[in-house]
N, C-alpha and C. Protein backbone atom coordinates (compact mmCIF):
# COMPACT_ATOMS: atom_id res chain seq x y z
N MET A 1 -5.67 -0.66 -3.73
CA MET A 1 -7.10 0.15 -3.32
C MET A 1 -6.52 1.52 -2.77
N LYS A 2 -7.22 2.34 -3.11
CA LYS A 2 -6.99 3.98 -2.81
C LYS A 2 -7.81 4.14 -1.64
N LEU A 3 -6.85 4.83 -0.41
CA LEU A 3 -7.59 5.04 0.44
C LEU A 3 -8.93 6.68 0.96
N PRO A 4 -9.82 6.30 1.05
CA PRO A 4 -10.78 7.63 0.75
C PRO A 4 -9.73 8.79 1.80
N GLU A 5 -10.29 10.10 1.14
CA GLU A 5 -9.52 11.27 2.02
C GLU A 5 -10.13 11.03 3.34
N SER A 6 -11.33 10.80 3.73
CA SER A 6 -11.31 10.65 5.04
C SER A 6 -10.82 9.78 6.19
N ALA A 7 -9.95 8.67 5.50
CA ALA A 7 -9.43 7.79 6.02
C ALA A 7 -8.02 8.62 5.92
N ARG A 8 -7.51 8.87 4.89
CA ARG A 8 -6.46 9.11 4.86
C ARG A 8 -5.90 10.54 6.24
N ALA A 9 -7.11 11.03 6.28
CA ALA A 9 -6.85 12.16 7.07
C ALA A 9 -6.76 11.76 8.71
N LEU A 10 -7.40 10.48 8.92
CA LEU A 10 -7.52 9.99 10.03
C LEU A 10 -6.14 9.14 10.65
N VAL A 11 -5.38 8.30 9.57
CA VAL A 11 -4.34 7.98 9.57
C VAL A 11 -3.09 8.58 9.67
N GLU A 12 -3.13 9.69 8.95
CA GLU A 12 -1.75 11.05 9.65
C GLU A 12 -2.15 11.65 10.81
N SER A 13 -3.21 11.66 11.15
CA SER A 13 -3.60 12.39 12.68
C SER A 13 -3.12 12.18 13.68
N GLY A 14 -1.80 11.15 13.64
CA GLY A 14 -1.13 10.84 14.88
C GLY A 14 -2.12 9.99 15.84
N CYS A 15 -3.32 9.75 15.58
CA CYS A 15 -3.70 8.26 16.51
C CYS A 15 -3.33 7.57 16.51
N LEU A 16 -3.36 6.52 17.46
CA LEU A 16 -2.84 5.41 17.68
C LEU A 16 -3.43 4.18 16.98
N ALA A 17 -2.86 3.07 15.85
CA ALA A 17 -3.37 2.35 15.41
C ALA A 17 -3.37 0.86 15.97
N HIS A 18 -4.40 0.20 15.87
CA HIS A 18 -4.09 -1.30 16.57
C HIS A 18 -3.58 -2.11 15.05
N CYS A 19 -2.67 -2.57 15.30
CA CYS A 19 -2.16 -3.71 14.57
C CYS A 19 -2.18 -4.66 14.48
N VAL A 20 -2.97 -6.02 13.92
CA VAL A 20 -3.50 -7.66 13.68
C VAL A 20 -2.50 -8.10 13.22
N THR A 21 -1.39 -8.95 13.75
CA THR A 21 -1.26 -9.47 12.67
C THR A 21 -1.24 -11.15 13.37
N LEU A 22 -1.27 -12.26 12.72
CA LEU A 22 -1.03 -13.86 12.74
C LEU A 22 -0.43 -15.04 13.69
N ASN A 23 -0.27 -14.94 14.22
CA ASN A 23 0.83 -15.76 15.08
C ASN A 23 1.00 -16.91 14.32
N PRO A 24 2.60 -17.95 14.55
CA PRO A 24 2.57 -19.11 13.68
C PRO A 24 1.41 -20.22 14.18
N ASP A 25 0.63 -20.62 14.97
CA ASP A 25 -0.25 -20.91 15.47
C ASP A 25 -1.76 -20.61 14.97
N GLY A 26 -1.77 -19.27 14.11
CA GLY A 26 -3.28 -19.13 13.53
C GLY A 26 -3.71 -17.55 14.45
N SER A 27 -2.91 -17.64 15.86
CA SER A 27 -3.99 -16.73 16.95
C SER A 27 -3.43 -15.10 16.38
N PRO A 28 -4.51 -14.23 17.30
CA PRO A 28 -4.25 -13.02 16.67
C PRO A 28 -3.01 -12.63 17.95
N GLN A 29 -2.22 -11.50 16.91
CA GLN A 29 -1.00 -10.74 17.94
C GLN A 29 -1.90 -9.30 17.65
N VAL A 30 -1.65 -8.41 19.08
CA VAL A 30 -2.26 -7.38 18.63
C VAL A 30 -1.04 -6.36 18.97
N SER A 31 -0.99 -5.22 18.45
CA SER A 31 0.25 -4.10 19.12
C SER A 31 -0.38 -2.87 18.46
N ALA A 32 -0.09 -1.88 19.65
CA ALA A 32 -0.11 -0.43 19.20
C ALA A 32 0.90 0.25 18.49
N VAL A 33 0.60 0.80 17.55
CA VAL A 33 1.67 1.15 16.47
C VAL A 33 1.19 2.98 16.12
N TRP A 34 2.60 3.22 15.44
CA TRP A 34 2.11 4.93 15.00
C TRP A 34 2.49 4.43 13.25
N VAL A 35 1.71 4.79 12.77
CA VAL A 35 1.40 4.66 11.15
C VAL A 35 1.86 5.78 10.47
N GLY A 36 1.81 5.94 9.44
CA GLY A 36 1.75 7.36 8.55
C GLY A 36 1.26 6.58 6.79
N LEU A 37 1.57 7.60 6.27
CA LEU A 37 1.62 7.17 4.52
C LEU A 37 2.26 7.68 4.10
N ASP A 38 2.52 6.81 2.90
CA ASP A 38 3.79 6.85 1.71
C ASP A 38 3.05 6.36 0.45
N GLY A 39 2.54 7.51 -0.32
CA GLY A 39 1.86 7.24 -1.19
C GLY A 39 0.28 6.67 -0.58
N ASP A 40 0.11 5.66 -1.25
CA ASP A 40 -1.17 4.96 -1.08
C ASP A 40 -1.10 4.22 -0.20
N GLU A 41 0.18 3.72 0.52
CA GLU A 41 0.40 3.02 1.35
C GLU A 41 0.71 3.37 2.86
N ILE A 42 0.07 2.10 4.11
CA ILE A 42 0.14 2.92 5.25
C ILE A 42 1.89 2.27 5.49
N VAL A 43 2.45 2.78 6.65
CA VAL A 43 3.80 2.68 6.82
C VAL A 43 4.03 2.57 7.70
N MET A 44 4.87 2.07 8.51
CA MET A 44 5.09 1.83 10.01
C MET A 44 6.74 1.39 9.84
N ALA A 45 7.60 1.44 11.03
CA ALA A 45 8.87 1.25 11.40
C ALA A 45 8.80 0.31 12.80
N HIS A 46 9.58 -0.28 12.51
CA HIS A 46 10.79 -0.73 14.42
C HIS A 46 11.68 -1.12 14.25
N LEU A 47 12.60 -0.93 15.01
CA LEU A 47 13.71 -1.21 15.25
C LEU A 47 14.08 -2.43 15.58
N GLY A 48 13.58 -3.05 16.31
CA GLY A 48 14.12 -4.29 16.36
C GLY A 48 13.18 -5.70 15.51
N ASN A 49 13.00 -7.30 15.75
CA ASN A 49 12.73 -7.89 14.60
C ASN A 49 11.45 -8.73 15.75
N HIS A 50 10.62 -7.61 16.00
CA HIS A 50 9.43 -7.57 16.95
C HIS A 50 8.70 -8.92 16.16
N ARG A 51 7.96 -9.55 17.24
CA ARG A 51 6.94 -10.58 16.82
C ARG A 51 5.78 -10.53 15.73
N LYS A 52 5.30 -8.67 15.31
CA LYS A 52 4.80 -8.70 14.56
C LYS A 52 5.63 -8.74 12.91
N VAL A 53 6.60 -8.22 13.08
CA VAL A 53 7.84 -8.05 12.04
C VAL A 53 7.89 -9.48 11.54
N ARG A 54 8.12 -10.43 12.39
CA ARG A 54 8.67 -11.84 11.72
C ARG A 54 7.33 -12.76 11.63
N ASN A 55 5.92 -11.90 12.37
CA ASN A 55 4.78 -12.80 11.73
C ASN A 55 4.61 -12.17 10.49
N LEU A 56 4.61 -10.83 9.82
CA LEU A 56 4.59 -10.81 8.79
C LEU A 56 5.15 -10.68 7.71
N ARG A 57 6.54 -11.06 8.38
CA ARG A 57 7.47 -11.78 7.31
C ARG A 57 6.84 -13.34 6.46
N ARG A 58 6.71 -14.06 7.85
CA ARG A 58 6.04 -14.98 7.76
C ARG A 58 4.54 -15.50 6.71
N ASP A 59 3.72 -14.38 7.22
CA ASP A 59 2.21 -14.06 6.24
C ASP A 59 1.97 -12.78 6.12
N PRO A 60 1.94 -12.03 5.41
CA PRO A 60 2.04 -10.60 5.01
C PRO A 60 0.27 -10.12 5.55
N ARG A 61 -0.91 -10.90 5.55
CA ARG A 61 -1.61 -10.35 6.15
C ARG A 61 -2.21 -9.45 7.60
N ILE A 62 -2.53 -8.83 7.58
CA ILE A 62 -2.34 -7.46 8.36
C ILE A 62 -3.58 -6.95 8.43
N ALA A 63 -4.15 -6.02 9.82
CA ALA A 63 -5.19 -4.99 9.77
C ALA A 63 -4.99 -4.33 10.78
N PHE A 64 -5.47 -3.39 10.61
CA PHE A 64 -5.30 -2.34 11.67
C PHE A 64 -6.97 -1.60 11.95
N SER A 65 -7.02 -1.10 13.52
CA SER A 65 -8.29 -0.08 13.85
C SER A 65 -7.90 0.49 14.30
N LEU A 66 -8.54 2.00 13.95
CA LEU A 66 -7.92 3.46 14.18
C LEU A 66 -9.16 4.01 14.83
N ALA A 67 -9.30 4.58 15.55
CA ALA A 67 -10.38 5.02 16.64
C ALA A 67 -10.65 6.76 16.18
N GLY A 68 -11.46 7.30 15.32
CA GLY A 68 -11.80 8.53 15.16
C GLY A 68 -12.42 9.43 16.64
N PRO A 69 -12.02 10.54 16.02
CA PRO A 69 -12.46 11.82 17.08
C PRO A 69 -14.26 11.98 17.17
N ALA A 70 -14.76 11.69 15.93
CA ALA A 70 -15.94 11.63 15.79
C ALA A 70 -17.15 10.83 16.19
N ALA A 71 -18.33 11.19 16.23
CA ALA A 71 -19.52 10.39 16.50
C ALA A 71 -20.64 10.17 15.55
N ASN A 72 -21.19 9.21 15.36
CA ASN A 72 -22.24 9.62 14.31
C ASN A 72 -23.83 9.86 14.85
N PRO A 73 -24.40 9.95 14.13
CA PRO A 73 -25.85 10.39 15.24
C PRO A 73 -26.61 9.66 16.11
N ILE A 74 -26.16 8.21 16.25
CA ILE A 74 -26.54 7.71 17.33
C ILE A 74 -25.60 7.35 18.51
N GLY A 75 -24.60 8.21 18.28
CA GLY A 75 -23.47 7.91 19.31
C GLY A 75 -21.79 7.32 19.36
N MET A 76 -22.40 6.45 18.34
CA MET A 76 -20.57 5.35 18.22
C MET A 76 -20.15 6.24 17.34
N GLN A 77 -18.95 6.03 18.24
CA GLN A 77 -17.22 6.67 18.05
C GLN A 77 -17.18 5.81 16.23
N ASP A 78 -16.44 6.80 15.94
CA ASP A 78 -15.85 6.57 14.06
C ASP A 78 -14.42 5.31 14.60
N ASN A 79 -14.59 4.63 13.78
CA ASN A 79 -13.60 3.28 14.27
C ASN A 79 -13.06 3.15 12.53
N LEU A 80 -12.24 3.21 12.12
CA LEU A 80 -11.20 2.53 10.88
C LEU A 80 -11.10 1.52 10.85
N VAL A 81 -11.19 0.76 9.91
CA VAL A 81 -10.37 -0.77 10.01
C VAL A 81 -10.08 -0.85 8.52
N ILE A 82 -8.52 -1.22 8.82
CA ILE A 82 -8.19 -1.70 7.23
C ILE A 82 -7.12 -2.76 7.26
N HIS A 83 -7.63 -3.60 6.04
CA HIS A 83 -6.99 -4.89 6.20
C HIS A 83 -6.44 -4.57 4.85
N GLY A 84 -5.06 -5.40 4.95
CA GLY A 84 -4.01 -5.30 4.19
C GLY A 84 -3.08 -6.08 3.70
N THR A 85 -2.07 -6.13 2.80
CA THR A 85 -0.80 -7.36 2.19
C THR A 85 0.45 -6.32 2.79
N ALA A 86 1.06 -6.80 3.77
CA ALA A 86 2.23 -5.97 4.11
C ALA A 86 3.67 -6.46 3.40
N THR A 87 4.51 -5.93 3.18
CA THR A 87 5.74 -6.10 2.61
C THR A 87 6.41 -5.65 3.83
N VAL A 88 7.99 -6.25 4.35
CA VAL A 88 8.53 -6.34 5.37
C VAL A 88 9.79 -5.82 4.44
N THR A 89 10.79 -4.55 4.83
CA THR A 89 12.14 -4.59 4.33
C THR A 89 12.69 -4.25 5.22
N GLU A 90 14.13 -4.82 5.60
CA GLU A 90 15.40 -4.06 6.27
C GLU A 90 15.88 -2.36 6.27
N GLY A 91 16.12 -2.18 7.18
CA GLY A 91 16.40 -1.01 7.09
C GLY A 91 15.28 0.39 7.03
N GLY A 92 15.93 1.98 7.08
CA GLY A 92 15.26 2.45 7.00
C GLY A 92 13.95 3.26 8.36
N ALA A 93 14.14 2.10 9.23
CA ALA A 93 13.32 2.66 10.43
C ALA A 93 13.35 4.07 11.01
N PRO A 94 15.01 4.06 11.70
CA PRO A 94 15.24 5.65 12.14
C PRO A 94 14.31 6.58 11.25
N GLU A 95 14.85 6.89 10.28
CA GLU A 95 14.51 7.63 9.55
C GLU A 95 12.83 7.68 9.82
N LEU A 96 11.87 6.95 9.26
CA LEU A 96 10.58 6.50 9.49
C LEU A 96 10.09 7.23 10.79
N LEU A 97 10.68 6.41 11.56
CA LEU A 97 10.55 7.17 13.10
C LEU A 97 10.47 8.48 13.38
N ARG A 98 11.63 9.03 12.74
CA ARG A 98 11.70 10.53 13.09
C ARG A 98 10.67 10.94 12.34
N ARG A 99 10.11 10.87 11.14
CA ARG A 99 9.05 11.43 10.45
C ARG A 99 8.01 11.10 11.22
N LEU A 100 7.78 10.05 11.89
CA LEU A 100 5.97 9.56 12.56
C LEU A 100 6.18 10.31 14.01
N GLY A 101 7.39 10.40 14.62
CA GLY A 101 7.66 10.94 16.20
C GLY A 101 7.29 12.31 16.07
N THR A 102 7.07 13.23 14.93
CA THR A 102 7.07 14.56 14.90
C THR A 102 5.53 14.44 14.77
N VAL A 103 4.80 13.59 14.21
CA VAL A 103 3.14 13.47 14.39
C VAL A 103 2.86 13.47 15.89
N TYR A 104 3.18 12.02 16.08
CA TYR A 104 2.80 11.26 17.75
C TYR A 104 3.22 11.96 18.72
N THR A 105 4.32 13.14 18.47
CA THR A 105 5.06 13.22 19.92
C THR A 105 5.05 14.87 19.89
N GLY A 106 4.95 15.41 18.57
CA GLY A 106 5.26 17.23 18.32
C GLY A 106 6.31 17.34 18.42
N GLY A 107 7.09 16.43 18.47
CA GLY A 107 8.90 16.77 18.54
C GLY A 107 9.73 15.35 17.72
N GLU A 108 11.00 15.46 18.37
CA GLU A 108 12.04 14.79 17.54
C GLU A 108 11.73 13.41 18.80
N PHE A 109 11.70 12.17 17.78
CA PHE A 109 11.39 10.86 18.44
C PHE A 109 12.90 10.86 19.17
N PRO A 110 12.84 10.35 20.22
CA PRO A 110 14.59 10.25 21.01
C PRO A 110 14.89 8.46 21.02
N LEU A 111 15.76 8.61 19.55
CA LEU A 111 16.42 7.42 18.91
C LEU A 111 17.80 7.24 19.92
N PRO A 112 17.94 5.93 20.14
CA PRO A 112 19.26 5.26 20.53
C PRO A 112 20.07 6.06 19.50
N ALA A 113 21.67 6.23 20.28
CA ALA A 113 22.94 6.93 19.96
C ALA A 113 23.19 6.67 18.34
N ASP A 114 23.13 5.60 18.42
CA ASP A 114 23.44 4.14 16.96
C ASP A 114 22.03 3.21 16.71
N PRO A 115 21.27 3.99 15.90
CA PRO A 115 20.05 2.92 16.00
C PRO A 115 20.44 2.15 15.04
N PRO A 116 20.02 0.48 15.24
CA PRO A 116 19.85 -0.57 14.09
C PRO A 116 19.03 -0.02 13.18
N PRO A 117 19.06 -0.13 12.04
CA PRO A 117 18.32 0.02 10.69
C PRO A 117 17.14 -0.72 10.73
N GLY A 118 16.60 -1.42 11.44
CA GLY A 118 15.35 -1.88 11.77
C GLY A 118 14.48 -2.59 10.17
N TYR A 119 13.51 -2.27 10.86
CA TYR A 119 12.49 -2.79 9.21
C TYR A 119 11.31 -1.65 9.34
N VAL A 120 11.08 -1.62 7.86
CA VAL A 120 9.88 -0.65 7.77
C VAL A 120 9.16 -1.86 7.44
N VAL A 121 7.51 -1.82 7.25
CA VAL A 121 6.71 -2.30 6.95
C VAL A 121 5.78 -1.22 6.13
N ARG A 122 5.60 -1.90 4.91
CA ARG A 122 4.43 -1.35 3.96
C ARG A 122 3.48 -2.18 3.69
N VAL A 123 1.90 -1.48 4.14
CA VAL A 123 0.84 -2.08 3.76
C VAL A 123 0.73 -1.16 2.36
N ARG A 124 0.12 -2.39 1.30
CA ARG A 124 -1.16 -2.12 0.15
C ARG A 124 -2.55 -2.10 1.18
N VAL A 125 -3.32 -1.26 0.73
CA VAL A 125 -4.63 -1.46 1.83
C VAL A 125 -5.37 -2.27 0.55
N ASP A 126 -6.37 -3.41 1.27
CA ASP A 126 -7.15 -4.40 0.15
C ASP A 126 -8.66 -3.98 0.67
N ARG A 127 -9.28 -3.72 1.66
CA ARG A 127 -10.09 -3.21 1.97
C ARG A 127 -10.03 -2.44 3.30
N VAL A 128 -11.87 -1.69 3.09
CA VAL A 128 -11.77 -0.52 4.37
C VAL A 128 -13.07 -0.64 5.06
N GLY A 129 -12.97 -0.99 6.31
CA GLY A 129 -14.58 -1.09 6.79
C GLY A 129 -14.37 0.13 7.96
N GLY A 130 -15.70 -0.33 9.03
CA GLY A 130 -15.71 0.29 10.19
C GLY A 130 -16.95 1.38 9.89
N THR A 131 -16.94 2.20 10.98
CA THR A 131 -17.89 3.11 10.98
C THR A 131 -17.25 4.70 10.91
N GLY A 132 -17.78 5.19 9.66
CA GLY A 132 -17.55 6.34 9.71
C GLY A 132 -17.57 7.28 8.23
N PRO A 133 -17.04 8.36 8.17
CA PRO A 133 -17.50 8.85 6.48
C PRO A 133 -16.23 7.98 5.43
N TRP A 134 -15.44 7.36 6.01
CA TRP A 134 -14.93 6.62 4.61
C TRP A 134 -15.83 5.23 3.99
N ASN A 135 -16.87 5.27 4.72
CA ASN A 135 -18.03 4.06 4.61
C ASN A 135 -18.77 4.77 3.71
N ALA A 136 -18.83 5.83 3.30
CA ALA A 136 -20.16 6.82 2.85
C ALA A 136 -20.25 6.64 1.25
């Protein structure tokens, strides 16, 4: 599925995304993450083999929630929810973190001197929900 332009703008705005993956016992695991776009895919990078990376290697289902800056006429803040299917690849995390760092920090992200190759997660968008212009 192609993300609506309004959703693309929010993903690329530098707002923090809350990422949900599934633990081995089926319980949710939630992390605050930096996200960006590569074509129609959402991307995120991780230097270590964190719980979310291990979860996605086992079960590729993923969801994100991002709060938008606007509110609807009754005062509810915009909220973008994205459900997708992830693919985890080894390598490329430092480069992606540098790119995302300029969006999220306004400058260069301070990586370790010799960063590990890490993991890049690419998410194919399956469904979009929440409250906001992406549901118009």
